Amino acid sequence: MRKMTIEQLTCAYREGRSTPEDVITELIAKSEETSDYNVWITPPTLERIKPFLQQLAYISKDAPLWGIPFAVKDNMDVLSFRTTAGCEAYAYFPDETATTIQRLINAGAIPVGKTNLDQFATGLVGTRSPYGETKHAYEPDYISGGSSSGSAVAVALGLVPFALGTDTAGSGRVPASLHGLYGFKPSLGAWSTAGVVPACESIDCVTVFTHTIKEMKQVDAVVRGFDVKDPYSKNHLPLKSSAPTRYLVPEEESLMFFGLDKHGFKQSWADAVQKLRHLGKVETFDPAQLFEASALLYEGPLVAERWAAVGDFIDEHPEDVFPVTKQVIETAKNPQFDAAHLFSAQHRLQAIKRQVERVLDEESVLVMPTNGGTYSREQVREDPIHTNSQMGLYTNHCNLLDLCALAAPAGKTTNDFPFGISFFALHHCEDLIVGAAEAFTTNNESTHIAVCGLHMQGFPLEWQMHAHQAKFIETTRTAPTYRLYQLPTDPAKPGLVREESGESIEVEVWEMPTNQIGSFLSMIPAPLGLGTIQLVDGRTVVGFLCEANAVEHATDLTAYGSWRTYREAQKVKG
């Protein structure tokens, strides 16, 4: 999938190659093309988005997120957009925009639509919605993860650079893991939940999905801060990055892998632990208390908080609630779950919290698989309760224990399915999960690079691409604003120059680990260098460009449209 990033758009705006209007027009078209993924409940339309575009005229172009589109999970309020929480009978038009979203808008960001979710944010599979099952972005027969399913898939499909979700038991982390994204769940109260339909109000969080940690930080810098409208809001320190001294991982025998490709997930976890050993001290711990805390959320009286949020509505509209959602929330009616049992569960939870705080000190992070496997959508339909429970095995404990978390990509399984791990820390140690994820994923982040000559497949310098761990992605063309020259060098090589009177030139797009770019650049002789190239479909990538003054005595090959075509023509002549 072709990803969209904040950095790409900001660069395109700054260089005058695109406008927010252009981006929104393309976004609407791409959303229509991918409608069968069931990403949206309220899809992007120009009519709904136009007021936000017009508002940009009154916001400085230096604003941190100027012109950046984002998607909103449909349990968060945006003025003039309906809020459904995944239930048509529940739908309403809010009187004001949720605080977190308003802060983004004030920073120049553009909310473009409301995304699908497991109804009332109750689920981790993405299939519990009357608006259709949200399909996995890369494997449509598989689950997308929930409850923030539509938001994660919107980012994975390249519809938006980032999207907001919510997280009570893993809803902002499981979908991230399944799509190779970052899913950040800040400490309780760090991001305002005012204007969010509550699931379990005391532990709900607003979360974000991004392609990079850098862009996750950009969003956090805009939305973090105390909000008087949110009774659970707290003054947390600005987000920073610090390296932990110790990584705690669960004892191997305590872990469970399940579903499709469970052996691949198990091997990927083993590989992740091995990588952690190169980053610092790794110790094992018994996660039994984490699992006990998790069970309290749905298998004990704490589920009553979900009933407090929407129970009256369910009683009044039983036929309008998704059956499995109703079944889960109605467990709060269990006569055993009386007030005495609720206090007993809270006391036990507090005891577990204290024990975890003793193990997880202010220099350590806890690391677990974000999910131990995945399922097909058909498997979830056949057994909706058990499969959903399995998906939350390593996530449910987090908010109950007042931990912060960051789900990060950790490569792929042997069957090429995205695998992710999560870093956890005490609520006042968010810097540790950021530092840990940055250290772990340094070699995972990558950049798309366009080549147009000797580095293409079958040409003499292709080896440099492989030497820098690059993988071929596709053959495509530039926008029709470039000219191709043969430089007067030995051996002969092409030079690509941006000119308004140019044509569309063939290029190959490769994906290279970001930490390899510096070494690769050192091998490129003047007058060539790396710059920003616009492709014919509007995307921008890093690519080879030539200094304009170097083609004064060069041969113009633009008419051939490709270095490959030119070389083949020369062979025929020869």
Protein backbone atom coordinates (compact mmCIF):
# COMPACT_ATOMS: atom_id res chain seq x y z
CA MET A 1 0.00 0.00 0.00
CA ARG A 2 1.14 3.55 -0.68
CA LYS A 3 1.45 5.33 2.62
CA MET A 4 0.75 9.02 3.16
CA THR A 5 2.76 10.90 5.77
CA ILE A 6 2.70 14.32 7.40
CA GLU A 7 6.24 14.91 6.16
CA GLN A 8 5.32 14.20 2.52
CA LEU A 9 2.39 16.59 2.56
CA THR A 10 4.20 19.36 4.41
CA CYS A 11 7.05 19.18 1.91
CA ALA A 12 4.65 19.21 -1.06
CA TYR A 13 2.84 22.28 0.29
CA ARG A 14 6.07 24.10 1.01
CA GLU A 15 7.43 23.46 -2.49
CA GLY A 16 4.16 24.41 -4.17
CA ARG A 17 3.64 20.96 -5.70
CA SER A 18 0.28 20.41 -4.05
CA THR A 19 -2.45 22.11 -2.05
CA PRO A 20 -4.80 20.88 0.69
CA GLU A 21 -7.61 21.07 -1.89
CA ASP A 22 -5.67 18.71 -4.18
CA VAL A 23 -5.04 16.29 -1.34
CA ILE A 24 -8.68 16.25 -0.24
CA THR A 25 -9.89 15.69 -3.81
CA GLU A 26 -7.60 12.67 -4.15
CA LEU A 27 -8.52 11.42 -0.67
CA ILE A 28 -12.23 11.44 -1.52
CA ALA A 29 -11.57 9.52 -4.74
CA LYS A 30 -9.40 6.92 -2.96
CA SER A 31 -12.01 6.52 -0.24
CA GLU A 32 -14.64 5.74 -2.87
CA GLU A 33 -12.30 3.25 -4.55
CA THR A 34 -11.77 1.41 -1.24
CA SER A 35 -15.37 1.56 -0.04
CA ASP A 36 -15.61 -2.23 0.21
CA TYR A 37 -13.16 -2.14 3.14
CA ASN A 38 -15.92 -0.52 5.28
CA VAL A 39 -13.52 2.08 6.66
CA TRP A 40 -16.04 4.89 7.06
CA ILE A 41 -19.37 5.48 8.77
CA THR A 42 -19.38 9.12 7.67
CA PRO A 43 -17.11 9.13 4.59
CA PRO A 44 -15.16 12.14 3.32
CA THR A 45 -17.13 14.53 1.11
CA LEU A 46 -16.12 17.95 -0.16
CA GLU A 47 -19.28 19.49 1.30
CA ARG A 48 -18.39 18.39 4.83
CA ILE A 49 -14.67 19.16 4.55
CA LYS A 50 -14.92 22.51 2.76
CA PRO A 51 -15.40 24.62 5.94
CA PHE A 52 -12.13 23.25 7.34
CA LEU A 53 -10.35 24.03 4.06
CA GLN A 54 -11.68 27.58 4.17
CA GLN A 55 -10.54 27.95 7.76
CA LEU A 56 -6.93 27.33 6.68
CA ALA A 57 -6.85 30.86 5.25
CA TYR A 58 -6.94 32.14 8.84
CA ILE A 59 -4.29 29.75 10.18
CA SER A 60 -0.56 30.34 9.68
CA LYS A 61 1.06 27.99 7.18
CA ASP A 62 3.74 27.53 9.84
CA ALA A 63 1.17 25.81 12.08
CA PRO A 64 2.49 22.32 12.92
CA LEU A 65 -0.24 20.38 11.09
CA TRP A 66 -1.37 22.91 8.46
CA GLY A 67 -3.37 21.17 5.73
CA ILE A 68 -2.87 17.66 7.13
CA PRO A 69 -5.99 15.46 6.83
CA PHE A 70 -6.86 12.99 9.58
CA ALA A 71 -9.60 10.47 10.33
CA VAL A 72 -11.68 10.32 13.52
CA LYS A 73 -13.11 7.24 15.19
CA ASP A 74 -16.88 7.62 15.26
CA ASN A 75 -17.19 7.76 19.02
CA MET A 76 -15.60 11.22 19.10
CA ASP A 77 -17.49 14.45 18.49
CA VAL A 78 -16.83 16.73 15.53
CA LEU A 79 -19.18 19.65 15.00
CA SER A 80 -21.34 19.13 11.86
CA PHE A 81 -20.47 15.40 11.77
CA ARG A 82 -22.80 12.81 13.27
CA THR A 83 -21.53 10.72 16.15
CA THR A 84 -22.87 7.16 16.01
CA ALA A 85 -20.56 5.06 18.23
CA GLY A 86 -21.36 2.35 15.69
CA CYS A 87 -25.11 2.39 16.36
CA GLU A 88 -27.55 4.19 14.09
CA ALA A 89 -30.26 4.55 16.74
CA TYR A 90 -27.74 6.18 19.06
CA ALA A 91 -26.60 8.80 16.50
CA TYR A 92 -26.62 12.52 17.26
CA PHE A 93 -25.12 15.80 16.06
CA PRO A 94 -22.86 17.20 18.81
CA ASP A 95 -22.99 20.76 20.09
CA GLU A 96 -19.22 21.10 20.06
CA THR A 97 -16.06 19.36 18.92
CA ALA A 98 -14.08 17.07 21.23
CA THR A 99 -11.19 18.93 22.84
CA THR A 100 -8.47 16.73 21.33
CA ILE A 101 -9.88 17.19 17.84
CA GLN A 102 -10.33 20.93 18.28
CA ARG A 103 -6.68 21.26 19.25
CA LEU A 104 -5.72 19.49 16.02
CA ILE A 105 -7.99 21.76 13.99
CA ASN A 106 -6.47 24.81 15.65
CA ALA A 107 -3.06 23.52 14.53
CA GLY A 108 -4.25 23.38 10.90
CA ALA A 109 -5.27 19.72 10.67
CA ILE A 110 -8.40 18.74 8.72
CA PRO A 111 -10.88 16.12 10.01
CA VAL A 112 -12.15 14.36 6.90
CA GLY A 113 -14.58 11.68 8.10
CA LYS A 114 -15.74 9.37 10.88
CA THR A 115 -14.41 5.82 10.89
CA ASN A 116 -16.00 2.47 11.59
CA LEU A 117 -15.56 0.78 14.97
CA ASP A 118 -16.65 -2.14 17.05
CA GLN A 119 -19.96 -0.84 18.36
CA PHE A 120 -19.67 1.29 21.52
CA ALA A 121 -15.91 0.62 21.36
CA THR A 122 -16.56 -2.89 22.69
CA GLY A 123 -14.31 -5.32 20.87
CA LEU A 124 -10.83 -5.93 19.49
CA VAL A 125 -11.71 -7.50 16.14
CA GLY A 126 -13.30 -4.88 13.85
CA THR A 127 -16.27 -7.10 12.97
CA ARG A 128 -18.83 -5.92 15.55
CA SER A 129 -20.42 -3.17 13.51
CA PRO A 130 -23.76 -2.87 11.74
CA TYR A 131 -21.91 -0.70 9.19
CA GLY A 132 -19.99 -3.73 7.95
CA GLU A 133 -16.90 -5.62 8.99
CA THR A 134 -13.78 -3.49 8.49
CA LYS A 135 -11.42 -5.58 6.37
CA HIS A 136 -7.71 -5.85 6.96
CA ALA A 137 -5.90 -3.43 4.64
CA TYR A 138 -3.53 -6.09 3.21
CA GLU A 139 -5.41 -9.35 3.83
CA PRO A 140 -9.14 -8.59 3.39
CA ASP A 141 -10.23 -12.02 4.65
CA TYR A 142 -8.56 -11.30 8.00
CA ILE A 143 -9.73 -9.13 10.87
CA SER A 144 -8.55 -5.53 11.04
CA GLY A 145 -8.53 -5.39 14.82
CA GLY A 146 -10.77 -3.17 16.90
CA SER A 147 -12.37 -1.29 18.22
CA SER A 148 -10.58 1.48 16.31
CA SER A 149 -10.67 -0.60 13.14
CA GLY A 150 -11.57 2.04 10.57
CA SER A 151 -8.97 4.51 11.85
CA ALA A 152 -6.10 2.03 11.57
CA VAL A 153 -7.16 0.86 8.12
CA ALA A 154 -7.54 4.46 6.90
CA VAL A 155 -3.86 5.02 7.71
CA ALA A 156 -2.73 1.64 6.38
CA LEU A 157 -4.54 2.20 3.06
CA GLY A 158 -2.83 5.57 2.65
CA LEU A 159 -6.04 7.57 2.90
CA VAL A 160 -4.72 9.81 5.71
CA PRO A 161 -1.33 10.28 7.42
CA PHE A 162 -2.74 9.76 10.91
CA ALA A 163 -6.01 8.85 12.58
CA LEU A 164 -7.47 9.04 16.06
CA GLY A 165 -8.81 6.05 17.91
CA THR A 166 -9.70 5.31 21.50
CA ASP A 167 -8.30 2.69 23.84
CA THR A 168 -9.86 1.11 26.89
CA ALA A 169 -8.52 -2.42 26.60
CA GLY A 170 -6.26 -2.35 23.54
CA SER A 171 -8.38 -0.73 20.84
CA GLY A 172 -5.63 1.73 19.91
CA ARG A 173 -2.89 -0.91 19.86
CA VAL A 174 -4.20 -4.17 18.39
CA PRO A 175 -5.23 -2.64 15.03
CA ALA A 176 -1.84 -0.88 14.87
CA SER A 177 0.00 -4.16 15.36
CA LEU A 178 -2.03 -5.94 12.69
CA HIS A 179 -1.12 -3.25 10.13
CA GLY A 180 2.52 -2.49 10.93
CA LEU A 181 1.67 0.92 12.44
CA TYR A 182 2.54 2.75 15.63
CA GLY A 183 -0.32 2.92 18.11
CA PHE A 184 0.28 5.32 20.98
CA LYS A 185 -1.80 5.09 24.16
CA PRO A 186 -0.74 7.99 26.37
CA SER A 187 -1.00 7.99 30.12
CA LEU A 188 -4.50 8.35 31.52
CA GLY A 189 -5.50 12.02 31.45
CA ALA A 190 -2.63 13.20 29.21
CA TRP A 191 -5.01 13.63 26.25
CA SER A 192 -8.49 14.94 26.92
CA THR A 193 -11.44 12.58 26.52
CA ALA A 194 -14.02 15.40 26.62
CA GLY A 195 -16.35 14.82 23.69
CA VAL A 196 -15.72 11.06 23.58
CA VAL A 197 -18.59 8.59 24.00
CA PRO A 198 -17.49 6.73 27.14
CA ALA A 199 -16.79 3.02 27.24
CA CYS A 200 -15.22 2.82 30.70
CA GLU A 201 -14.91 6.51 31.44
CA SER A 202 -12.32 6.25 34.22
CA ILE A 203 -9.80 4.44 31.99
CA ASP A 204 -10.68 5.57 28.44
CA CYS A 205 -7.90 7.12 26.34
CA VAL A 206 -7.73 8.87 22.98
CA THR A 207 -4.99 7.33 20.83
CA VAL A 208 -3.29 7.88 17.48
CA PHE A 209 -2.14 5.69 14.57
CA THR A 210 0.90 6.80 12.55
CA HIS A 211 3.61 5.42 10.27
CA THR A 212 6.48 6.86 12.34
CA ILE A 213 7.34 7.77 15.91
CA LYS A 214 8.30 11.25 14.73
CA GLU A 215 4.78 11.91 13.47
CA MET A 216 3.26 10.38 16.58
CA LYS A 217 5.22 12.96 18.58
CA GLN A 218 3.99 15.76 16.30
CA VAL A 219 0.39 14.88 17.07
CA ASP A 220 1.08 14.48 20.78
CA ALA A 221 2.73 17.92 20.96
CA VAL A 222 -0.49 19.48 19.66
CA VAL A 223 -3.09 17.65 21.75
CA ARG A 224 -1.37 17.03 25.09
CA GLY A 225 -2.47 19.24 27.94
CA PHE A 226 -4.91 19.71 30.79
CA ASP A 227 -8.58 20.20 29.91
CA VAL A 228 -11.03 21.59 32.43
CA LYS A 229 -13.89 19.92 30.52
CA ASP A 230 -12.49 16.45 31.27
CA PRO A 231 -12.87 15.38 34.92
CA TYR A 232 -10.10 12.80 34.42
CA SER A 233 -7.65 15.21 32.79
CA LYS A 234 -4.19 15.58 34.38
CA ASN A 235 -1.15 17.75 33.92
CA HIS A 236 1.45 15.43 32.40
CA LEU A 237 4.94 16.47 31.37
CA PRO A 238 5.70 17.04 27.68
CA LEU A 239 6.53 13.84 25.82
CA LYS A 240 10.27 13.14 25.69
CA SER A 241 12.54 10.22 24.87
CA SER A 242 14.80 8.31 27.28
CA ALA A 243 16.48 4.94 26.95
CA PRO A 244 15.39 2.36 29.55
CA THR A 245 18.06 0.44 31.41
CA ARG A 246 16.05 -2.76 31.66
CA TYR A 247 13.55 -4.62 29.48
CA LEU A 248 11.12 -6.98 31.21
CA VAL A 249 9.66 -9.77 29.07
CA PRO A 250 7.17 -12.48 30.12
CA GLU A 251 8.46 -15.92 30.99
CA GLU A 252 8.31 -17.98 27.83
CA GLU A 253 6.04 -20.66 29.30
CA SER A 254 3.47 -18.02 30.26
CA LEU A 255 2.86 -16.88 26.68
CA MET A 256 0.17 -18.14 24.36
CA PHE A 257 0.11 -17.89 20.55
CA PHE A 258 -3.05 -18.63 18.65
CA GLY A 259 -5.06 -18.46 15.46
CA LEU A 260 -3.69 -18.30 11.95
CA ASP A 261 0.11 -18.36 11.65
CA LYS A 262 0.56 -18.84 15.41
CA HIS A 263 3.98 -20.44 14.88
CA GLY A 264 5.03 -17.45 12.82
CA PHE A 265 3.94 -15.09 15.61
CA LYS A 266 5.85 -17.17 18.17
CA GLN A 267 9.03 -17.04 16.09
CA SER A 268 8.66 -13.31 15.51
CA TRP A 269 8.38 -12.77 19.26
CA ALA A 270 11.54 -14.82 19.82
CA ASP A 271 13.31 -12.67 17.22
CA ALA A 272 12.09 -9.51 18.96
CA VAL A 273 13.42 -10.67 22.33
CA GLN A 274 16.77 -11.43 20.74
CA LYS A 275 16.89 -7.91 19.35
CA LEU A 276 16.03 -6.47 22.77
CA ARG A 277 19.09 -8.22 24.18
CA HIS A 278 21.25 -6.04 21.95
CA LEU A 279 19.60 -2.90 23.34
CA GLY A 280 20.02 -3.46 27.07
CA LYS A 281 19.49 -5.76 30.03
CA VAL A 282 16.62 -8.22 29.51
CA GLU A 283 14.95 -9.96 32.45
CA THR A 284 11.91 -12.23 32.61
CA PHE A 285 8.90 -11.88 34.89
CA ASP A 286 5.72 -13.80 35.65
CA PRO A 287 2.76 -11.96 34.01
CA ALA A 288 0.11 -13.84 36.03
CA GLN A 289 -0.96 -10.69 37.85
CA LEU A 290 -1.34 -8.82 34.58
CA PHE A 291 -3.63 -11.55 33.31
CA GLU A 292 -5.58 -11.45 36.58
CA ALA A 293 -6.09 -7.70 36.20
CA SER A 294 -7.20 -8.20 32.60
CA ALA A 295 -9.86 -10.68 33.65
CA LEU A 296 -11.38 -8.12 36.00
CA LEU A 297 -12.29 -5.89 33.06
CA TYR A 298 -14.81 -8.22 31.40
CA GLU A 299 -15.15 -11.24 33.66
CA GLY A 300 -15.83 -9.36 36.89
CA PRO A 301 -17.91 -6.50 38.24
CA LEU A 302 -15.77 -3.80 36.57
CA VAL A 303 -17.76 -4.41 33.40
CA ALA A 304 -20.49 -2.43 35.16
CA GLU A 305 -18.73 0.76 34.05
CA ARG A 306 -19.60 -0.11 30.46
CA TRP A 307 -23.19 -0.60 31.51
CA ALA A 308 -23.13 2.79 33.25
CA ALA A 309 -22.16 4.35 29.91
CA VAL A 310 -24.79 2.81 27.61
CA GLY A 311 -26.92 0.45 29.69
CA ASP A 312 -30.04 2.63 29.67
CA PHE A 313 -29.82 2.93 25.89
CA ILE A 314 -29.48 -0.84 25.49
CA ASP A 315 -32.54 -1.43 27.70
CA GLU A 316 -34.56 1.03 25.61
CA HIS A 317 -33.25 -0.11 22.17
CA PRO A 318 -32.39 -3.82 22.52
CA GLU A 319 -33.04 -4.55 18.84
CA ASP A 320 -30.73 -1.74 17.67
CA VAL A 321 -27.62 -3.06 19.43
CA PHE A 322 -25.26 -5.49 17.74
CA PRO A 323 -25.99 -8.91 19.33
CA VAL A 324 -22.51 -9.75 20.56
CA THR A 325 -22.02 -6.20 21.88
CA LYS A 326 -25.25 -6.48 23.83
CA GLN A 327 -24.17 -9.87 25.17
CA VAL A 328 -20.84 -8.53 26.45
CA ILE A 329 -22.17 -5.39 28.11
CA GLU A 330 -25.16 -7.15 29.67
CA THR A 331 -22.82 -9.35 31.71
CA ALA A 332 -22.91 -6.38 34.10
CA LYS A 333 -26.41 -7.55 35.05
CA ASN A 334 -24.99 -10.67 36.70
CA PRO A 335 -26.58 -10.61 40.18
CA GLN A 336 -23.23 -11.61 41.69
CA PHE A 337 -21.73 -8.31 40.52
CA ASP A 338 -23.13 -6.23 43.35
CA ALA A 339 -21.52 -3.20 44.99
CA ALA A 340 -19.61 -5.31 47.50
CA HIS A 341 -18.07 -7.39 44.71
CA LEU A 342 -17.20 -4.22 42.82
CA PHE A 343 -15.28 -2.80 45.78
CA SER A 344 -13.59 -6.13 46.31
CA ALA A 345 -12.43 -6.12 42.68
CA GLN A 346 -11.17 -2.55 42.98
CA HIS A 347 -9.21 -3.41 46.10
CA ARG A 348 -7.62 -6.41 44.38
CA LEU A 349 -6.81 -4.27 41.36
CA GLN A 350 -5.10 -1.68 43.57
CA ALA A 351 -3.01 -4.41 45.18
CA ILE A 352 -1.92 -5.68 41.78
CA LYS A 353 -1.09 -2.13 40.73
CA ARG A 354 1.24 -1.70 43.70
CA GLN A 355 2.99 -4.98 42.97
CA VAL A 356 3.49 -4.03 39.32
CA GLU A 357 4.93 -0.66 40.39
CA ARG A 358 7.52 -2.46 42.49
CA VAL A 359 8.57 -4.63 39.55
CA LEU A 360 8.36 -1.93 36.89
CA ASP A 361 10.57 0.84 38.23
CA GLU A 362 11.30 4.26 36.74
CA GLU A 363 14.08 2.98 34.50
CA SER A 364 12.38 -0.11 33.08
CA VAL A 365 9.85 -1.00 30.42
CA LEU A 366 7.65 -4.04 30.09
CA VAL A 367 7.59 -5.60 26.61
CA MET A 368 4.96 -8.04 25.35
CA PRO A 369 3.58 -9.16 21.99
CA THR A 370 0.77 -6.75 21.12
CA ASN A 371 -1.21 -9.77 20.02
CA GLY A 372 -0.25 -13.41 19.96
CA GLY A 373 -1.90 -14.17 16.62
CA THR A 374 -4.83 -13.27 14.44
CA TYR A 375 -7.97 -14.73 12.92
CA SER A 376 -9.94 -14.67 9.74
CA ARG A 377 -13.19 -12.74 9.82
CA GLU A 378 -15.02 -16.03 9.34
CA GLN A 379 -13.38 -17.52 12.44
CA VAL A 380 -14.49 -14.53 14.50
CA ARG A 381 -18.06 -14.87 13.25
CA GLU A 382 -18.07 -18.50 14.32
CA ASP A 383 -16.68 -17.83 17.81
CA PRO A 384 -16.95 -14.08 18.53
CA ILE A 385 -16.33 -14.14 22.29
CA HIS A 386 -13.28 -16.42 22.54
CA THR A 387 -11.46 -14.99 19.54
CA ASN A 388 -11.95 -11.44 20.81
CA SER A 389 -10.72 -12.44 24.26
CA GLN A 390 -7.55 -13.89 22.77
CA MET A 391 -6.82 -10.67 20.88
CA GLY A 392 -6.82 -8.77 24.18
CA LEU A 393 -4.65 -11.21 26.10
CA TYR A 394 -1.63 -8.86 26.18
CA THR A 395 -3.46 -5.52 26.17
CA ASN A 396 -6.40 -5.56 28.62
CA HIS A 397 -4.31 -4.94 31.73
CA CYS A 398 -2.77 -1.64 30.62
CA ASN A 399 -5.31 1.05 31.48
CA LEU A 400 -6.53 -0.75 34.58
CA LEU A 401 -2.99 -0.54 35.98
CA ASP A 402 -2.49 3.08 34.90
CA LEU A 403 0.32 2.26 32.46
CA CYS A 404 1.19 4.04 29.25
CA ALA A 405 1.84 1.99 26.11
CA LEU A 406 3.24 2.21 22.62
CA ALA A 407 2.56 -0.51 20.06
CA ALA A 408 5.36 -0.67 17.51
CA PRO A 409 6.01 -2.66 14.31
CA ALA A 410 8.40 -5.57 14.80
CA GLY A 411 8.71 -6.93 11.28
CA LYS A 412 6.69 -9.72 9.75
CA THR A 413 6.00 -13.35 10.47
CA THR A 414 7.29 -16.17 8.30
CA ASN A 415 3.99 -15.92 6.41
CA ASP A 416 4.58 -12.20 5.75
CA PHE A 417 1.96 -10.97 8.22
CA PRO A 418 2.66 -7.81 10.25
CA PHE A 419 3.89 -8.49 13.76
CA GLY A 420 4.07 -5.95 16.57
CA ILE A 421 5.22 -5.61 20.14
CA SER A 422 4.12 -3.19 22.85
CA PHE A 423 6.21 -1.23 25.33
CA PHE A 424 4.64 -0.41 28.71
CA ALA A 425 5.81 1.92 31.47
CA LEU A 426 4.51 3.61 34.59
CA HIS A 427 2.18 6.53 33.88
CA HIS A 428 4.85 9.15 34.60
CA CYS A 429 7.50 7.39 32.49
CA GLU A 430 6.18 7.87 28.97
CA ASP A 431 9.67 8.90 27.87
CA LEU A 432 10.83 5.31 28.39
CA ILE A 433 8.35 3.72 25.97
CA VAL A 434 9.23 6.31 23.34
CA GLY A 435 12.97 5.76 23.79
CA ALA A 436 12.57 1.99 23.79
CA ALA A 437 10.47 2.00 20.61
CA GLU A 438 12.89 4.36 18.87
CA ALA A 439 15.83 2.10 19.71
CA PHE A 440 13.98 -1.05 18.70
CA THR A 441 12.58 0.21 15.40
CA THR A 442 15.60 2.14 14.12
CA ASN A 443 16.24 -0.56 11.55
CA ASN A 444 12.54 -1.03 10.77
CA GLU A 445 11.69 2.43 9.45
CA SER A 446 12.20 2.82 5.74
CA THR A 447 12.13 5.36 2.93
CA HIS A 448 10.96 5.04 -0.65
CA ILE A 449 13.67 5.97 -3.15
CA ALA A 450 13.18 6.51 -6.90
CA VAL A 451 16.03 5.60 -9.27
CA CYS A 452 16.09 6.26 -13.00
CA GLY A 453 19.37 4.89 -14.32
CA LEU A 454 22.31 2.71 -13.33
CA HIS A 455 20.67 1.65 -10.04
CA MET A 456 17.63 0.12 -11.77
CA GLN A 457 17.17 -3.63 -12.06
CA GLY A 458 19.56 -5.17 -14.55
CA PHE A 459 21.96 -2.21 -14.58
CA PRO A 460 25.52 -2.08 -13.22
CA LEU A 461 24.81 -0.35 -9.90
CA GLU A 462 21.81 -2.42 -8.86
CA TRP A 463 24.13 -4.09 -6.36
CA GLN A 464 24.29 -0.86 -4.35
CA MET A 465 20.55 -1.08 -3.75
CA HIS A 466 20.83 -4.61 -2.41
CA ALA A 467 23.95 -3.73 -0.41
CA HIS A 468 21.86 -1.13 1.40
CA GLN A 469 19.05 -3.64 2.09
CA ALA A 470 16.68 -1.99 -0.40
CA LYS A 471 13.71 -3.91 -1.81
CA PHE A 472 12.19 -3.26 -5.23
CA ILE A 473 8.60 -1.97 -4.95
CA GLU A 474 7.37 -0.93 -8.39
CA THR A 475 8.08 0.63 -11.78
CA THR A 476 6.22 3.90 -12.31
CA ARG A 477 6.72 7.37 -13.80
CA THR A 478 7.37 10.87 -12.60
CA ALA A 479 4.96 13.76 -12.96
CA PRO A 480 5.29 15.37 -16.45
CA THR A 481 7.71 18.02 -15.18
CA TYR A 482 11.12 16.39 -15.65
CA ARG A 483 13.74 16.04 -18.38
CA LEU A 484 16.24 13.20 -18.72
CA TYR A 485 19.79 13.79 -19.89
CA GLN A 486 22.83 11.64 -20.60
CA LEU A 487 25.67 13.24 -18.69
CA PRO A 488 29.13 13.52 -20.30
CA THR A 489 30.68 11.04 -17.87
CA ASP A 490 32.43 7.68 -18.11
CA PRO A 491 30.54 5.45 -17.78
CA ALA A 492 27.53 7.18 -19.26
CA LYS A 493 24.78 7.85 -16.71
CA PRO A 494 21.52 9.77 -16.69
CA GLY A 495 20.63 13.00 -14.95
CA LEU A 496 17.03 13.84 -14.03
CA VAL A 497 16.23 17.55 -13.88
CA ARG A 498 12.96 19.16 -12.85
CA GLU A 499 11.66 21.50 -15.59
CA GLU A 500 8.14 22.78 -16.15
CA SER A 501 8.49 21.98 -19.87
CA GLY A 502 9.37 18.39 -19.07
CA GLU A 503 7.78 14.98 -19.61
CA SER A 504 6.93 11.93 -17.54
CA ILE A 505 10.05 9.78 -17.01
CA GLU A 506 10.18 6.11 -16.00
CA VAL A 507 11.58 5.39 -12.53
CA GLU A 508 11.83 2.42 -10.21
CA VAL A 509 10.73 2.85 -6.60
CA TRP A 510 12.70 0.92 -3.98
CA GLU A 511 12.23 0.76 -0.21
CA MET A 512 15.42 1.30 1.81
CA PRO A 513 15.90 1.24 5.60
CA THR A 514 16.18 4.83 6.78
CA ASN A 515 19.42 4.14 8.61
CA GLN A 516 21.02 3.11 5.28
CA ILE A 517 20.31 6.41 3.51
CA GLY A 518 23.44 8.20 4.75
CA SER A 519 25.76 5.45 3.56
CA PHE A 520 23.96 5.22 0.23
CA LEU A 521 24.17 8.99 -0.29
CA SER A 522 27.93 8.91 0.28
CA MET A 523 28.28 6.70 -2.83
CA ILE A 524 26.49 9.13 -5.15
CA PRO A 525 28.93 11.38 -7.05
CA ALA A 526 28.25 15.01 -7.95
CA PRO A 527 26.41 16.44 -9.81
CA LEU A 528 23.84 13.87 -8.66
CA GLY A 529 22.14 13.95 -5.29
CA LEU A 530 18.98 12.95 -3.47
CA GLY A 531 15.97 15.26 -3.57
CA THR A 532 12.19 15.14 -3.64
CA ILE A 533 10.59 13.69 -6.79
CA GLN A 534 6.89 13.91 -7.59
CA LEU A 535 5.38 10.82 -9.18
CA VAL A 536 2.66 10.77 -11.81
CA ASP A 537 0.01 9.82 -9.23
CA GLY A 538 0.85 12.78 -7.00
CA ARG A 539 3.01 10.95 -4.46
CA THR A 540 6.39 12.34 -3.50
CA VAL A 541 9.44 10.18 -2.85
CA VAL A 542 13.15 10.68 -2.35
CA GLY A 543 15.03 10.21 -5.62
CA PHE A 544 18.03 11.01 -7.80
CA LEU A 545 18.13 14.55 -9.15
CA CYS A 546 20.84 16.33 -11.13
CA GLU A 547 22.10 19.87 -10.70
CA ALA A 548 20.63 21.97 -13.51
CA ASN A 549 23.95 23.56 -14.46
CA ALA A 550 25.45 20.13 -15.09
CA VAL A 551 23.34 19.37 -18.18
CA GLU A 552 24.50 22.30 -20.29
CA HIS A 553 26.57 19.97 -22.50
CA ALA A 554 24.53 16.81 -21.89
CA THR A 555 22.39 14.92 -24.40
CA ASP A 556 18.64 15.35 -23.94
CA LEU A 557 17.00 11.90 -23.76
CA THR A 558 13.57 13.06 -22.65
CA ALA A 559 11.91 11.85 -25.85
CA TYR A 560 12.82 8.26 -24.94
CA GLY A 561 10.94 8.60 -21.65
CA SER A 562 13.28 6.17 -19.91
CA TRP A 563 16.97 5.37 -19.51
CA ARG A 564 16.11 1.72 -20.14
CA THR A 565 14.37 2.50 -23.43
CA TYR A 566 17.32 4.66 -24.52
CA ARG A 567 19.89 1.96 -23.73
CA GLU A 568 17.85 -0.69 -25.55
CA ALA A 569 17.65 1.60 -28.58
CA GLN A 570 21.43 2.05 -28.48
CA LYS A 571 21.91 -1.72 -28.44
CA VAL A 572 19.76 -2.06 -31.55
CA LYS A 573 21.81 0.62 -33.34
CA GLY A 574 25.04 -1.00 -32.23
